[in-house]
Amino acid sequence: MSYKRLWFLFEFGLPTAACSLWYVPFMPETERATQLKQILQQDPTNTFARYALGMEYSSAGEVDAAVGEFRTLVEHSPDYANAYFMAAQALARVPDRTADVMRWLEDGIAAARRSGNRHAESEMQQMLDELAI
């Protein structure tokens, strides 16, 4: 097991199986998504697996599926600021969804403030400011 993976396990307290999915770049996207779904069947509140599945959908261009995963994630963990930001970024790729993007960013900024995540707050504020121009 690599130092990076050990740090990730220590920092986030995640099961080894979930972490292994994050660090296997050659695994086909469908296989990663399948494994993440299996993890979520066993533990629907697993924030790492839910976030990773949302990212898989987003990378594949499946915006509605990605946003659905991020929505489920913030229902269980309302202060998970990065989920709001990733949902906003996914939606930003779709024409005529600016209002939805702004809503996700505003909610995400509030979540970042609640959790003290200044970095996420500033990133989302910057994106929101750019949309307002």
C-alpha atoms as a PDB file:
ATOM      1  CA  MET A   1       0.000   0.000   0.000  1.00  0.00           C
ATOM      2  CA  SER A   2       1.436   3.359  -0.986  1.00  0.00           C
ATOM      3  CA  TYR A   3       2.156   6.232   1.377  1.00  0.00           C
ATOM      4  CA  LYS A   4      -0.449   8.341  -0.427  1.00  0.00           C
ATOM      5  CA  ARG A   5      -3.127   5.697   0.073  1.00  0.00           C
ATOM      6  CA  LEU A   6      -2.172   5.292   3.733  1.00  0.00           C
ATOM      7  CA  TRP A   7      -2.439   9.058   4.235  1.00  0.00           C
ATOM      8  CA  PHE A   8      -5.862   9.025   2.578  1.00  0.00           C
ATOM      9  CA  LEU A   9      -7.011   6.200   4.836  1.00  0.00           C
ATOM     10  CA  PHE A  10      -5.725   7.995   7.900  1.00  0.00           C
ATOM     11  CA  GLU A  11      -7.086  11.395   6.927  1.00  0.00           C
ATOM     12  CA  PHE A  12     -10.562  10.248   5.935  1.00  0.00           C
ATOM     13  CA  GLY A  13     -10.917   6.965   7.812  1.00  0.00           C
ATOM     14  CA  LEU A  14     -12.199   5.160   4.741  1.00  0.00           C
ATOM     15  CA  PRO A  15     -12.270   1.415   4.140  1.00  0.00           C
ATOM     16  CA  THR A  16      -9.428   0.116   1.996  1.00  0.00           C
ATOM     17  CA  ALA A  17     -11.809  -1.053  -0.738  1.00  0.00           C
ATOM     18  CA  ALA A  18     -13.207   2.441  -1.219  1.00  0.00           C
ATOM     19  CA  CYS A  19      -9.732   3.974  -1.283  1.00  0.00           C
ATOM     20  CA  SER A  20      -8.498   1.457  -3.815  1.00  0.00           C
ATOM     21  CA  LEU A  21     -11.116   2.692  -6.262  1.00  0.00           C
ATOM     22  CA  TRP A  22      -9.720   6.206  -6.025  1.00  0.00           C
ATOM     23  CA  TYR A  23      -6.176   5.201  -6.895  1.00  0.00           C
ATOM     24  CA  VAL A  24      -6.704   2.832  -9.825  1.00  0.00           C
ATOM     25  CA  PRO A  25      -6.510   5.077 -12.898  1.00  0.00           C
ATOM     26  CA  PHE A  26      -6.531   2.190 -15.397  1.00  0.00           C
ATOM     27  CA  MET A  27      -9.813   0.713 -14.147  1.00  0.00           C
ATOM     28  CA  PRO A  28     -12.556   1.254 -16.745  1.00  0.00           C
ATOM     29  CA  GLU A  29     -15.077   3.880 -15.680  1.00  0.00           C
ATOM     30  CA  THR A  30     -17.970   1.452 -15.839  1.00  0.00           C
ATOM     31  CA  GLU A  31     -16.139  -0.960 -13.537  1.00  0.00           C
ATOM     32  CA  ARG A  32     -15.415   1.833 -11.043  1.00  0.00           C
ATOM     33  CA  ALA A  33     -19.040   2.938 -11.154  1.00  0.00           C
ATOM     34  CA  THR A  34     -20.199  -0.651 -10.642  1.00  0.00           C
ATOM     35  CA  GLN A  35     -17.944  -1.085  -7.623  1.00  0.00           C
ATOM     36  CA  LEU A  36     -19.050   2.240  -6.151  1.00  0.00           C
ATOM     37  CA  LYS A  37     -22.690   1.230  -6.573  1.00  0.00           C
ATOM     38  CA  GLN A  38     -21.942  -2.039  -4.748  1.00  0.00           C
ATOM     39  CA  ILE A  39     -20.406  -0.106  -1.871  1.00  0.00           C
ATOM     40  CA  LEU A  40     -23.466   2.146  -1.764  1.00  0.00           C
ATOM     41  CA  GLN A  41     -25.796  -0.856  -1.695  1.00  0.00           C
ATOM     42  CA  GLN A  42     -24.083  -1.945   1.502  1.00  0.00           C
ATOM     43  CA  ASP A  43     -23.819   1.572   2.944  1.00  0.00           C
ATOM     44  CA  PRO A  44     -26.008   4.200   1.232  1.00  0.00           C
ATOM     45  CA  THR A  45     -24.576   6.942   3.465  1.00  0.00           C
ATOM     46  CA  ASN A  46     -20.936   6.329   2.476  1.00  0.00           C
ATOM     47  CA  THR A  47     -19.958   9.885   1.569  1.00  0.00           C
ATOM     48  CA  PHE A  48     -16.753   8.950  -0.236  1.00  0.00           C
ATOM     49  CA  ALA A  49     -18.446   6.392  -2.485  1.00  0.00           C
ATOM     50  CA  ARG A  50     -21.377   8.719  -3.182  1.00  0.00           C
ATOM     51  CA  TYR A  51     -19.034  11.597  -4.071  1.00  0.00           C
ATOM     52  CA  ALA A  52     -16.847   9.355  -6.235  1.00  0.00           C
ATOM     53  CA  LEU A  53     -19.888   8.012  -8.102  1.00  0.00           C
ATOM     54  CA  GLY A  54     -21.057  11.560  -8.744  1.00  0.00           C
ATOM     55  CA  MET A  55     -17.606  12.359 -10.096  1.00  0.00           C
ATOM     56  CA  GLU A  56     -17.698   9.262 -12.326  1.00  0.00           C
ATOM     57  CA  TYR A  57     -21.020  10.356 -13.803  1.00  0.00           C
ATOM     58  CA  SER A  58     -19.769  13.903 -14.230  1.00  0.00           C
ATOM     59  CA  SER A  59     -16.612  12.720 -16.015  1.00  0.00           C
ATOM     60  CA  ALA A  60     -18.759  10.629 -18.338  1.00  0.00           C
ATOM     61  CA  GLY A  61     -20.919  13.666 -19.156  1.00  0.00           C
ATOM     62  CA  GLU A  62     -23.951  12.251 -17.362  1.00  0.00           C
ATOM     63  CA  VAL A  63     -24.849  15.543 -15.692  1.00  0.00           C
ATOM     64  CA  ASP A  64     -28.286  14.620 -14.331  1.00  0.00           C
ATOM     65  CA  ALA A  65     -26.983  11.380 -12.810  1.00  0.00           C
ATOM     66  CA  ALA A  66     -24.021  13.248 -11.294  1.00  0.00           C
ATOM     67  CA  VAL A  67     -26.229  15.953  -9.814  1.00  0.00           C
ATOM     68  CA  GLY A  68     -28.546  13.261  -8.455  1.00  0.00           C
ATOM     69  CA  GLU A  69     -25.652  11.643  -6.592  1.00  0.00           C
ATOM     70  CA  PHE A  70     -24.444  14.987  -5.244  1.00  0.00           C
ATOM     71  CA  ARG A  71     -28.017  15.819  -4.157  1.00  0.00           C
ATOM     72  CA  THR A  72     -28.284  12.512  -2.290  1.00  0.00           C
ATOM     73  CA  LEU A  73     -24.911  13.186  -0.687  1.00  0.00           C
ATOM     74  CA  VAL A  74     -25.881  16.612   0.639  1.00  0.00           C
ATOM     75  CA  GLU A  75     -29.186  15.237   1.929  1.00  0.00           C
ATOM     76  CA  HIS A  76     -27.130  12.937   4.189  1.00  0.00           C
ATOM     77  CA  SER A  77     -24.211  15.334   4.753  1.00  0.00           C
ATOM     78  CA  PRO A  78     -25.456  18.902   4.265  1.00  0.00           C
ATOM     79  CA  ASP A  79     -22.051  20.441   5.081  1.00  0.00           C
ATOM     80  CA  TYR A  80     -20.139  18.493   2.408  1.00  0.00           C
ATOM     81  CA  ALA A  81     -19.194  21.640   0.488  1.00  0.00           C
ATOM     82  CA  ASN A  82     -17.340  19.960  -2.365  1.00  0.00           C
ATOM     83  CA  ALA A  83     -20.499  18.122  -3.436  1.00  0.00           C
ATOM     84  CA  TYR A  84     -22.229  21.455  -4.034  1.00  0.00           C
ATOM     85  CA  PHE A  85     -19.250  22.736  -6.000  1.00  0.00           C
ATOM     86  CA  MET A  86     -18.999  19.631  -8.183  1.00  0.00           C
ATOM     87  CA  ALA A  87     -22.751  19.711  -8.880  1.00  0.00           C
ATOM     88  CA  ALA A  88     -22.436  23.351  -9.906  1.00  0.00           C
ATOM     89  CA  GLN A  89     -19.473  22.597 -12.151  1.00  0.00           C
ATOM     90  CA  ALA A  90     -21.338  19.711 -13.817  1.00  0.00           C
ATOM     91  CA  LEU A  91     -24.404  21.863 -14.395  1.00  0.00           C
ATOM     92  CA  ALA A  92     -22.291  24.712 -15.755  1.00  0.00           C
ATOM     93  CA  ARG A  93     -21.527  22.563 -18.798  1.00  0.00           C
ATOM     94  CA  VAL A  94     -25.220  22.494 -19.732  1.00  0.00           C
ATOM     95  CA  PRO A  95     -26.754  25.457 -21.538  1.00  0.00           C
ATOM     96  CA  ASP A  96     -29.569  27.306 -19.757  1.00  0.00           C
ATOM     97  CA  ARG A  97     -28.798  25.886 -16.305  1.00  0.00           C
ATOM     98  CA  THR A  98     -27.179  29.035 -14.889  1.00  0.00           C
ATOM     99  CA  ALA A  99     -29.926  29.528 -12.288  1.00  0.00           C
ATOM    100  CA  ASP A 100     -29.382  25.971 -11.037  1.00  0.00           C
ATOM    101  CA  VAL A 101     -25.618  26.516 -10.951  1.00  0.00           C
ATOM    102  CA  MET A 102     -26.045  29.679  -8.904  1.00  0.00           C
ATOM    103  CA  ARG A 103     -28.395  27.929  -6.449  1.00  0.00           C
ATOM    104  CA  TRP A 104     -25.905  25.098  -5.919  1.00  0.00           C
ATOM    105  CA  LEU A 105     -23.102  27.603  -5.396  1.00  0.00           C
ATOM    106  CA  GLU A 106     -25.082  29.691  -2.914  1.00  0.00           C
ATOM    107  CA  ASP A 107     -26.024  26.585  -0.936  1.00  0.00           C
ATOM    108  CA  GLY A 108     -22.435  25.367  -1.148  1.00  0.00           C
ATOM    109  CA  ILE A 109     -21.047  28.645   0.134  1.00  0.00           C
ATOM    110  CA  ALA A 110     -23.398  28.400   3.109  1.00  0.00           C
ATOM    111  CA  ALA A 111     -22.268  24.797   3.721  1.00  0.00           C
ATOM    112  CA  ALA A 112     -18.611  25.807   3.476  1.00  0.00           C
ATOM    113  CA  ARG A 113     -19.158  28.576   6.004  1.00  0.00           C
ATOM    114  CA  ARG A 114     -20.915  26.189   8.401  1.00  0.00           C
ATOM    115  CA  SER A 115     -18.063  23.710   8.184  1.00  0.00           C
ATOM    116  CA  GLY A 116     -15.277  26.301   8.172  1.00  0.00           C
ATOM    117  CA  ASN A 117     -14.047  25.247   4.721  1.00  0.00           C
ATOM    118  CA  ARG A 118     -12.644  28.605   3.588  1.00  0.00           C
ATOM    119  CA  HIS A 119     -10.966  27.182   0.496  1.00  0.00           C
ATOM    120  CA  ALA A 120     -14.197  25.706  -0.897  1.00  0.00           C
ATOM    121  CA  GLU A 121     -16.041  28.881   0.054  1.00  0.00           C
ATOM    122  CA  SER A 122     -13.621  31.075  -1.908  1.00  0.00           C
ATOM    123  CA  GLU A 123     -13.641  28.767  -4.951  1.00  0.00           C
ATOM    124  CA  MET A 124     -17.433  28.759  -5.092  1.00  0.00           C
ATOM    125  CA  GLN A 125     -17.638  32.498  -4.486  1.00  0.00           C
ATOM    126  CA  GLN A 126     -15.248  33.080  -7.379  1.00  0.00           C
ATOM    127  CA  MET A 127     -17.361  30.921  -9.704  1.00  0.00           C
ATOM    128  CA  LEU A 128     -20.529  32.678  -8.527  1.00  0.00           C
ATOM    129  CA  ASP A 129     -18.944  36.091  -9.142  1.00  0.00           C
ATOM    130  CA  GLU A 130     -17.922  35.045 -12.646  1.00  0.00           C
ATOM    131  CA  LEU A 131     -21.492  33.954 -13.418  1.00  0.00           C
ATOM    132  CA  ALA A 132     -22.869  37.265 -12.165  1.00  0.00           C
ATOM    133  CA  ILE A 133     -20.753  39.275 -14.613  1.00  0.00           C
END
